[in-house]
Amino acid sequence: MISILTGKNTARILSVHGAIDISDMWSKTMGIDVGDLFRSIECISYCECTETGFRYYQPSLAAGGGELYEQLEKYDWYYMPNKWEFGKALNLLAYESKILEVGVGEGHFLSAARLAGHDVQGVELNPLGADRARSKGFVIHEEMLDRIHLDPNDKFDSICSFQVLEHVAQPLEFLRGMLKLLKPNGKLILSVPNAAVQKRIDPLNLGLLNQPPHHMGHWDESVFRSLEKFLPVKLTSVHIEPLASYHVAWMVSGYLRGKFSFLGSFCSRLLFNRITTLPVQLILLSGLRKFLPGHTLLVEFEYFPAL
């Protein structure tokens, strides 16, 4: 089986899931319609690239479109104005860099970067999001990366993309598209949900937000390190978010449910919830949470194009 990350015959299927079953769970649990295109798929495969350890879902048609994300906007937590990775990325950027953000959302990072003195532009395929960002005075490219053509002198010092890569059905093309827009020795900064943490709290990938049509790939540090083998990049730094206070209840409940999954879904959820785990939450909230890995992983690459 061909891996979508390496293009080699190094992939295998780990499990197969019914698209209709997943669709029904989205509707019942979150009140979200995943769309007729998703429901037209008979089966969704969860795969692993044995060369890189990258785990992902197929087919690519299972990836959500603009309608899914418009529905998710009703949740206040979905587009947060201040994220840990925004500050971390700004600390990594050279003074007055020319920056492109891929997937600008509400434009919160662009605003922070402009305030810090950077020359910023964005890419956003959601028309509503693109219009919101333009209303704040930003130049927004509303097209696929491979359709953006720049003069070599107009390329970017840094490209950032936050919580986007995990949604992409064809990540190799996406990464190559960003590199094409970078200057030699430019920075590529990416943040994703940390799959190493997700495995501890949701070992069976039952969380809806961690499966199609929302997440299509699961990324961890080892997968990012493997990119050096087939892309002209060097991983220069890795940063792991400390457990955030607003994620403590989610982390504790999920971890304990995973440990006691042999009791069954109903019993484990009954035993470990926001109320029953409150003593553990309070201990972590007292300060210990800062010593535990949290939701997000951020990596920094340097681009070395072939001569």
Foldseek 3Di string as FASTA:
>chain_A
DADLAFRDPQKDFDDKDALVVLQVCCCVPPVFHQDPQSNVDGMKTWMARRLQRKIFIDDQSQAGDLRRVVSVVVDVPPDDLDDPVLVVVLVVDDQQWEEEEEACQQVSSVVVNVVSNHNYAYEHQNVVSQVNNVVVPHHYHNDQLVPDDDDLVPATLEYEYEAPLQRGNNNNVNVVSNLVRHHAQHKYKYKHFALVLVCQLPVPQPDSCCHTNRGGIHDHPSSVCCVVVPAQKDWDDKDFAQADLVCLQVSQLSNQCVVVCVVPDVVSPVCRHSVNCVVVSVVCVVPVSRVHGHTMMMIMMTGHDDD
